[in-house]
Protein backbone atom coordinates (compact mmCIF):
# COMPACT_ATOMS: atom_id res chain seq x y z
CA MET A 1 168.05 15.12 89.58
CA LYS A 2 166.32 16.07 86.34
CA LEU A 3 168.89 18.82 85.91
CA PHE A 4 171.68 16.29 87.00
CA LYS A 5 170.51 13.70 84.50
CA PHE A 6 170.46 16.33 81.74
CA PHE A 7 173.89 17.49 82.44
CA VAL A 8 175.45 14.17 82.72
CA SER A 9 173.91 12.68 79.47
CA LYS A 10 173.98 16.11 77.28
CA ILE A 11 177.52 17.08 78.30
CA PHE A 12 179.68 14.63 79.96
CA LEU A 13 178.23 11.63 78.27
CA ARG A 14 177.35 13.28 74.79
CA ARG A 15 180.76 12.15 73.37
CA ILE A 16 181.28 8.57 74.44
CA VAL A 17 184.82 8.09 73.33
CA PRO A 18 186.35 10.88 75.33
CA ALA A 19 183.86 9.95 78.25
CA ILE A 20 185.09 6.55 78.28
CA GLY A 21 188.79 7.62 78.13
CA ILE A 22 188.36 10.02 81.04
CA ILE A 23 186.70 6.99 83.02
CA LEU A 24 189.84 4.43 82.10
CA LEU A 25 192.36 7.37 82.72
CA ILE A 26 190.99 8.09 86.29
CA CYS A 27 191.07 3.77 86.87
CA LEU A 28 194.61 3.69 85.65
CA SER A 29 195.48 6.80 88.08
CA ASN A 30 193.58 5.01 91.18
CA TYR A 31 195.33 2.02 90.37
CA THR A 32 198.95 3.58 89.92
CA THR A 33 198.25 5.53 93.44
CA PHE A 34 197.22 2.31 95.04
CA ILE A 35 200.23 0.37 93.93
CA ALA A 36 202.34 3.11 94.75
CA ALA A 37 200.90 3.92 98.39
CA ARG A 38 201.13 0.13 99.11
CA THR A 39 204.69 -0.19 98.18
CA VAL A 40 205.51 2.58 100.18
CA PHE A 41 203.42 1.30 103.36
CA SER A 42 205.31 -2.08 102.97
CA THR A 43 208.69 -0.49 102.73
CA TYR A 44 208.10 1.21 105.95
CA GLN A 45 207.16 -1.93 107.56
CA GLY A 46 210.32 -3.42 106.49
CA TYR A 47 212.45 -0.58 107.62
CA GLN A 48 210.35 -1.23 110.99
CA GLU A 49 211.33 -4.85 110.90
CA THR A 50 215.15 -4.70 110.07
CA ARG A 51 216.03 -1.70 112.22
CA ALA A 52 217.30 -4.12 115.23
CA LEU A 53 219.46 -5.12 112.35
CA ASN A 54 220.96 -1.86 111.34
CA GLN A 55 223.52 -1.71 114.01
CA ASP A 56 227.25 -0.95 113.54
CA GLY A 57 229.10 -4.10 113.68
CA ASN A 58 226.45 -6.45 112.35
CA TYR A 59 226.77 -8.04 108.89
CA ILE A 60 224.73 -10.13 106.75
CA ALA A 61 225.93 -12.91 104.43
CA ASN A 62 225.15 -13.09 100.78
CA LEU A 63 226.41 -15.33 98.53
CA ASP A 64 228.78 -14.04 95.92
CA PRO A 65 226.87 -14.14 92.34
CA ASN A 66 230.21 -14.04 90.31
CA ASN A 67 231.92 -16.73 92.11
CA PRO A 68 230.64 -20.23 91.12
CA VAL A 69 230.55 -22.95 94.09
CA ASP A 70 231.00 -26.64 93.63
CA PHE A 71 228.21 -27.73 96.12
CA GLY A 72 229.27 -31.41 95.53
CA ALA A 73 232.62 -30.57 97.31
CA ILE A 74 230.89 -29.53 100.30
CA ASP A 75 230.61 -32.20 103.21
CA ALA A 76 229.28 -32.52 106.61
CA ASP A 77 232.69 -32.42 108.26
CA LYS A 78 233.73 -29.07 106.50
CA THR A 79 230.52 -27.39 107.27
CA LYS A 80 230.66 -28.53 111.12
CA ALA A 81 234.12 -27.08 110.93
CA VAL A 82 232.73 -23.72 109.97
CA TYR A 83 229.78 -23.65 112.43
CA ASP A 84 232.68 -24.42 114.97
CA TYR A 85 234.62 -21.51 114.02
CA LEU A 86 231.49 -19.29 114.25
CA SER A 87 230.50 -20.52 117.65
CA SER A 88 233.91 -20.08 118.95
CA ASN A 89 234.52 -16.43 117.36
CA PHE A 90 231.20 -14.70 117.05
CA ASP A 91 227.67 -14.32 117.72
CA TYR A 92 225.10 -15.04 115.17
CA ALA A 93 221.79 -14.96 113.93
CA PHE A 94 220.65 -18.08 111.89
CA TYR A 95 217.37 -18.20 109.71
CA VAL A 96 216.14 -20.56 107.19
CA ASP A 97 212.91 -21.08 105.57
CA GLY A 98 211.37 -22.65 102.79
CA PHE A 99 211.35 -26.22 103.58
CA MET A 100 207.72 -27.48 102.41
CA VAL A 101 205.88 -30.22 104.17
CA SER A 102 202.34 -31.45 104.26
CA ILE A 103 200.24 -31.80 107.56
CA PRO A 104 196.67 -32.05 107.75
CA ASN A 105 195.03 -28.52 108.13
CA ARG A 106 191.72 -27.19 107.58
CA ASP A 107 192.79 -25.06 104.37
CA ASP A 108 194.47 -27.94 102.94
CA MET A 109 197.73 -25.53 102.58
CA GLU A 110 201.37 -27.03 102.32
CA ILE A 111 203.25 -25.67 105.60
CA SER A 112 206.64 -23.59 105.40
CA LEU A 113 209.11 -24.94 108.05
CA CYS A 114 211.48 -22.01 109.36
CA TYR A 115 214.41 -22.58 111.40
CA MET A 116 215.97 -20.06 113.71
CA ASN A 117 218.14 -19.80 116.48
CA GLU A 118 217.85 -17.68 119.72
CA ALA A 119 219.62 -14.52 118.48
CA TYR A 120 217.53 -14.49 115.61
CA TYR A 121 214.37 -14.96 117.31
CA GLN A 122 215.24 -11.81 119.64
CA LEU A 123 215.77 -9.58 116.61
CA SER A 124 212.51 -10.46 115.19
CA GLN A 125 210.57 -9.68 118.29
CA PHE A 126 207.45 -11.82 117.44
CA HIS A 127 203.90 -10.95 118.65
CA LEU A 128 201.74 -13.91 119.86
CA SER A 129 197.92 -14.06 120.00
CA GLN A 130 198.12 -17.21 122.38
CA GLY A 131 200.55 -19.05 124.35
CA THR A 132 204.55 -18.29 125.23
CA GLY A 133 207.38 -17.77 123.25
CA LEU A 134 209.95 -20.35 122.00
CA THR A 135 212.51 -21.93 124.13
CA PHE A 136 216.11 -23.12 122.71
CA ASP A 137 217.42 -25.57 125.05
CA SER A 138 215.71 -28.86 123.44
CA HIS A 139 217.51 -31.85 122.52
CA PHE A 140 217.12 -33.61 119.46
CA ASP A 141 217.64 -37.41 119.95
CA GLY A 142 214.25 -38.46 118.89
CA ASN A 143 212.70 -38.95 122.38
CA ASN A 144 211.73 -34.98 123.65
CA GLU A 145 209.07 -32.86 122.30
CA ILE A 146 210.21 -29.71 120.43
CA PRO A 147 208.40 -26.47 121.28
CA ILE A 148 207.33 -24.60 118.31
CA LEU A 149 205.38 -21.64 117.01
CA ILE A 150 202.70 -21.71 114.30
CA GLY A 151 200.66 -19.42 112.12
CA LYS A 152 197.43 -18.12 112.57
CA GLY A 153 196.26 -20.74 109.86
CA LEU A 154 197.21 -23.72 112.06
CA SER A 155 195.65 -22.45 115.15
CA LYS A 156 192.24 -24.10 114.70
CA THR A 157 193.69 -27.49 113.56
CA TYR A 158 196.54 -27.69 116.14
CA PRO A 159 195.77 -25.42 119.37
CA VAL A 160 198.36 -24.36 122.03
CA GLY A 161 199.66 -27.52 123.90
CA SER A 162 198.76 -29.92 120.98
CA THR A 163 201.48 -32.13 119.49
CA ILE A 164 202.24 -32.81 115.84
CA ASP A 165 204.48 -36.14 114.92
CA LEU A 166 206.45 -34.77 111.63
CA GLU A 167 209.36 -35.92 109.54
CA VAL A 168 211.48 -32.50 109.65
CA PRO A 169 213.49 -32.29 106.54
CA ALA A 170 216.36 -30.67 107.98
CA LEU A 171 216.92 -33.47 110.55
CA GLY A 172 215.88 -36.42 108.19
CA GLN A 173 214.07 -38.08 111.06
CA GLU A 174 210.63 -37.91 112.85
CA ILE A 175 210.05 -35.97 115.71
CA THR A 176 207.22 -34.97 118.00
CA LEU A 177 206.74 -31.06 117.95
CA ARG A 178 204.78 -29.36 120.64
CA VAL A 179 202.70 -26.05 119.68
CA GLN A 180 204.01 -23.55 122.42
CA GLY A 181 202.54 -20.38 120.80
CA VAL A 182 200.64 -18.98 117.98
CA LEU A 183 201.86 -16.03 116.07
CA GLU A 184 199.62 -12.55 115.29
CA GLN A 185 197.61 -12.75 112.38
CA ASN A 186 199.74 -12.00 109.10
CA ALA A 187 202.98 -12.12 110.94
CA TYR A 188 205.64 -11.30 108.36
CA HIS A 189 209.23 -11.43 107.37
CA SER A 190 210.60 -8.85 105.09
CA ASN A 191 213.54 -9.30 102.76
CA TYR A 192 216.79 -7.68 103.61
CA TYR A 193 217.33 -6.59 100.42
CA THR A 194 213.75 -5.60 99.12
CA LEU A 195 211.96 -4.11 102.00
CA ASN A 196 208.73 -3.95 100.18
CA SER A 197 209.10 -7.73 99.76
CA LYS A 198 207.62 -9.86 102.32
CA SER A 199 206.42 -13.80 103.20
CA TYR A 200 203.58 -14.52 105.82
CA TYR A 201 203.79 -16.74 108.57
CA ASN A 202 200.22 -17.59 108.80
CA PHE A 203 200.84 -21.17 107.50
CA SER A 204 204.22 -21.84 108.97
CA ILE A 205 205.75 -23.78 111.69
CA ILE A 206 209.08 -21.74 113.35
CA LEU A 207 211.29 -24.42 114.90
CA PRO A 208 214.40 -23.56 117.50
CA VAL A 209 217.68 -24.15 116.31
CA ASN A 210 220.50 -24.45 118.76
CA GLU A 211 224.06 -26.22 118.52
CA GLU A 212 222.70 -29.75 119.04
CA PHE A 213 220.32 -29.20 116.20
CA LEU A 214 222.94 -27.90 113.85
CA ASP A 215 225.14 -31.07 114.56
CA HIS A 216 221.96 -33.37 113.61
CA ALA A 217 221.20 -31.24 110.61
CA THR A 218 221.34 -32.15 106.83
CA LEU A 219 223.61 -30.69 104.74
CA ASP A 220 221.34 -28.53 102.74
CA LEU A 221 220.23 -26.80 106.00
CA ARG A 222 223.84 -25.92 107.01
CA VAL A 223 224.83 -24.45 103.51
CA ASN A 224 221.83 -22.44 103.34
CA GLY A 225 222.05 -21.15 106.85
CA LEU A 226 225.66 -19.79 105.82
CA MET A 227 224.19 -18.15 103.13
CA ASN A 228 221.88 -15.70 104.89
CA ILE A 229 223.75 -16.01 108.34
CA VAL A 230 223.83 -12.68 110.28
CA ILE A 231 226.95 -12.02 112.21
CA LEU A 232 226.38 -9.65 115.43
CA GLN A 233 228.61 -6.91 117.04
CA THR A 234 231.79 -7.79 115.28
CA THR A 235 234.54 -6.01 113.35
CA GLU A 236 235.85 -5.56 109.57
CA ASP A 237 238.58 -7.45 110.37
CA LYS A 238 237.23 -10.48 111.94
CA ILE A 239 234.49 -10.59 109.00
CA SER A 240 237.49 -10.62 106.63
CA ASP A 241 239.03 -13.67 108.58
CA LEU A 242 235.77 -15.38 108.61
CA ARG A 243 235.15 -14.76 104.68
CA ALA A 244 238.74 -16.10 104.33
CA PHE A 245 237.87 -19.19 106.65
CA ILE A 246 234.80 -19.96 104.62
CA GLN A 247 236.07 -19.70 101.25
CA ASP A 248 239.48 -21.85 102.11
CA THR A 249 237.22 -24.55 103.79
CA LEU A 250 234.35 -24.60 101.66
CA GLY A 251 235.22 -22.92 98.62
CA MET A 252 232.21 -20.80 98.93
CA LYS A 253 232.61 -16.98 98.55
CA LEU A 254 230.44 -14.94 100.90
CA ASN A 255 229.96 -11.12 100.93
CA PHE A 256 229.24 -9.59 103.98
CA PHE A 257 227.22 -6.16 104.28
CA SER A 258 225.79 -4.20 106.78
CA GLN A 259 221.87 -3.37 106.57
CA GLN A 260 222.81 -0.16 106.03
CA ASP A 261 224.42 -1.23 102.80
CA ASN A 262 221.12 -3.17 101.83
CA TYR A 263 219.42 0.23 102.52
CA GLU A 264 221.28 2.09 100.12
CA TYR A 265 221.41 -0.49 97.60
CA PHE A 266 217.64 -0.74 97.91
CA ASN A 267 217.19 3.00 97.86
CA GLU A 268 218.87 3.32 94.61
CA TYR A 269 216.30 1.22 92.68
CA TYR A 270 213.24 2.24 94.83
CA PHE A 271 213.47 6.32 94.72
CA HIS A 272 214.12 5.90 91.17
CA SER A 273 210.71 3.63 90.70
CA LEU A 274 209.11 6.23 92.92
CA LYS A 275 210.11 9.20 90.62
CA ILE A 276 208.65 7.37 87.77
CA VAL A 277 205.27 6.53 89.36
CA ALA A 278 205.12 10.32 90.33
CA VAL A 279 205.74 11.74 87.14
CA THR A 280 203.18 9.12 85.69
CA SER A 281 200.71 10.37 88.26
CA VAL A 282 201.31 13.98 87.20
CA ILE A 283 200.93 13.12 83.20
CA LEU A 284 197.55 11.21 84.10
CA LEU A 285 196.36 14.19 86.33
CA LEU A 286 196.88 16.55 83.53
CA LEU A 287 195.59 14.26 80.98
CA ILE A 288 192.29 13.86 83.04
CA THR A 289 192.12 17.50 83.69
CA CYS A 290 192.69 18.48 79.91
CA LEU A 291 190.24 15.91 78.38
CA SER A 292 187.50 16.53 81.16
CA VAL A 293 187.62 20.31 80.45
CA TRP A 294 187.64 19.65 76.41
CA ASN A 295 184.93 17.15 76.83
CA ALA A 296 182.81 19.42 79.03
CA LEU A 297 183.22 22.55 76.67
CA VAL A 298 182.43 20.72 73.75
CA GLY A 299 179.19 19.47 75.37
CA ILE A 300 178.33 22.96 76.79
CA ARG A 301 178.93 24.75 73.07
CA LEU A 302 176.63 22.18 71.70
CA MET A 303 173.93 22.66 74.37
CA LEU A 304 174.62 26.21 74.93
CA LYS A 305 170.98 27.40 74.31
CA ASP A 306 169.73 24.79 77.08
CA LEU A 307 172.50 25.65 79.41
CA THR A 308 171.59 29.66 79.29
CA ILE A 309 167.87 28.77 79.55
CA ASN A 310 168.94 27.05 82.99
CA LEU A 311 170.99 29.96 83.95
CA LEU A 312 168.18 32.57 83.28
CA VAL A 313 165.73 30.60 85.30
CA GLY A 314 167.71 30.21 88.24
CA LEU A 315 170.53 27.75 87.57
CA SER A 316 173.46 29.27 89.40
CA TYR A 317 177.21 28.52 89.01
CA SER A 318 177.33 27.27 92.70
CA LYS A 319 174.86 24.59 91.71
CA LEU A 320 176.63 23.61 88.43
CA ARG A 321 179.84 23.26 90.87
CA LYS A 322 177.81 20.64 92.82
CA MET A 323 176.67 18.80 89.97
CA PHE A 324 180.11 18.67 88.57
CA TYR A 325 181.41 17.36 92.00
CA SER A 326 178.66 14.88 92.26
CA TYR A 327 179.11 13.23 88.88
CA PHE A 328 182.95 12.98 89.62
CA GLY A 329 182.49 11.73 92.89
CA ILE A 330 180.30 8.88 91.62
CA LEU A 331 182.98 8.16 88.86
CA PHE A 332 185.59 8.30 91.64
CA LEU A 333 183.49 5.67 93.71
CA ILE A 334 182.92 3.60 90.70
CA ASN A 335 186.59 3.13 90.15
CA LEU A 336 187.46 2.91 93.93
CA VAL A 337 185.41 -0.39 93.89
CA ILE A 338 187.06 -1.67 90.93
CA VAL A 339 190.62 -1.17 92.66
CA PHE A 340 189.03 -2.92 95.78
CA ALA A 341 187.65 -5.82 93.66
CA ILE A 342 191.12 -6.23 91.69
CA THR A 343 192.96 -6.39 95.21
CA ALA A 344 190.45 -8.27 96.98
CA PHE A 345 190.45 -11.01 93.87
CA ASN A 346 194.49 -11.03 93.79
CA ARG A 347 194.59 -11.83 97.93
CA TYR A 348 191.87 -14.45 97.12
CA GLY A 349 194.08 -15.87 94.35
CA CYS A 350 196.52 -16.51 96.80
CA TRP A 351 194.02 -18.78 98.70
CA LEU A 352 192.75 -20.46 95.54
CA ARG A 353 196.56 -21.27 94.37
CA LYS A 354 197.19 -22.75 97.68
CA ASP A 355 200.15 -20.13 98.12
CA THR A 356 201.35 -20.57 101.55
CA THR A 357 203.64 -17.73 101.39
CA PHE A 358 201.30 -14.92 100.67
CA ALA A 359 197.95 -16.18 102.00
CA THR A 360 196.66 -13.27 104.35
CA TYR A 361 193.54 -12.77 106.52
CA GLY A 362 191.71 -9.40 106.73
CA LEU A 363 188.18 -7.80 106.37
CA PHE A 364 186.71 -8.78 102.80
CA GLY A 365 190.32 -10.45 102.22
CA LEU A 366 192.21 -6.99 102.45
CA ILE A 367 195.00 -6.40 105.15
CA GLY A 368 196.05 -3.43 106.88
CA ILE A 369 198.32 -1.73 104.04
CA ASP A 370 195.55 -2.55 101.45
CA TRP A 371 193.02 -0.29 103.28
CA LEU A 372 195.49 2.36 103.84
CA SER A 373 196.53 2.36 100.05
CA LEU A 374 192.85 2.59 99.47
CA LEU A 375 192.66 5.81 101.90
CA ALA A 376 195.52 7.35 99.80
CA VAL A 377 193.43 6.70 96.43
CA VAL A 378 190.39 8.79 98.21
CA PHE A 379 192.71 11.48 99.06
CA THR A 380 194.32 11.68 95.42
CA ASP A 381 190.64 11.50 94.18
CA ILE A 382 189.81 14.49 96.04
CA VAL A 383 192.81 16.33 94.86
CA ILE A 384 192.09 15.50 91.07
CA GLY A 385 188.00 16.22 91.68
CA VAL A 386 189.08 19.65 93.13
CA VAL A 387 191.44 20.59 90.27
CA VAL A 388 189.32 19.06 87.47
CA VAL A 389 186.05 20.65 88.60
CA GLU A 390 187.44 24.16 89.33
CA CYS A 391 189.41 24.20 86.16
CA MET A 392 186.13 23.24 84.26
CA LEU A 393 184.07 25.88 85.94
CA TRP A 394 186.90 28.56 85.25
CA ARG A 395 186.79 27.87 81.47
CA ILE A 396 183.16 27.55 81.40
CA LYS A 397 182.47 30.91 82.72
CA LYS A 398 184.40 32.14 80.04
CA VAL A 399 181.82 31.03 77.53
CA PRO A 400 179.79 34.06 76.36
CA ILE A 401 176.09 33.72 77.63
CA SER A 402 175.18 36.22 75.26
CA LEU A 403 175.52 33.44 72.39
CA GLY A 404 173.29 31.21 74.05
CA VAL A 405 170.58 34.00 74.08
CA LEU A 406 171.10 34.66 70.58
CA GLN A 407 170.29 31.10 69.80
């Protein structure tokens, strides 16, 4: 231990500025690796979730950004005509979220209402921790209980079988909701276009949508639903007819893309970003290696006499290697704790901000992809440690010990 303290204080930390520079570079390398790994894992989850959509004949609507829409000219009769046309000619998956309401809950969070029809529900394949799945045969005349699914964060306040009296914004009336099931912890919805982006359902209520629901729904819900609607098992000719019908009826131009088109759009930017991260990581590795070797050589040359004495009285290069690995192991552990603390603070910040969309549950606040990304950081640190230590030893062995004897 005394010898280890000697090498740390007299060689590695003898020059403070380079030593701090190495520590900061390692921290930057670790955090870059963590962010890149978490993006990769989150993207993989997005691919897994949307693969059911990635079938021939499925098309996802998207509002054309280059075509201005006069929303004031759209009325209930026109949107009903469009939905009647959809029901007569297509199978479609309907999904709208983002309507926020306030109901009592243990964490004082606002609640996101998500509306989906049976086709979208089947595509999503939700996993439940309690209760049973949704049914879609409800009547919305104000006299019936509507079955719903809720997120993990609401399950203590509203267990399976309980009811919630709520004025639903999409209907403009108060209805009674009955909790039929609880989604598994950290259930999520990935964006069709940026697969690594997702929102979590921990503080959400999922309501079933059928044709009767749409007949009673507000204009906002109907219009928003059209801008994200998924047309299932159809042809390009029928999609062209639908596009023309919507534009003629509502003055709204929609583009329809397959999920494969969305993948290609995403990958164009995603892989470019990964290349930048890879180049940055290689540059950081080279900087850490060069700076560490240079700093160690400067310290050894200044303390060459003491190093020579230790080598003559029994210090071997294998022991020296162990000390180097121990030193960098401590540095990597400190930086890993820093990355862990930053991540935990960011996750906890969602709870402090009452951010319904991103509030998650997990060990020490971290979710599965966070822990996997930390493992990726550990692997990267092992690689960096081996490269740096072996380069340092290789260079140190080239220092003539005879100079230390003469000293």
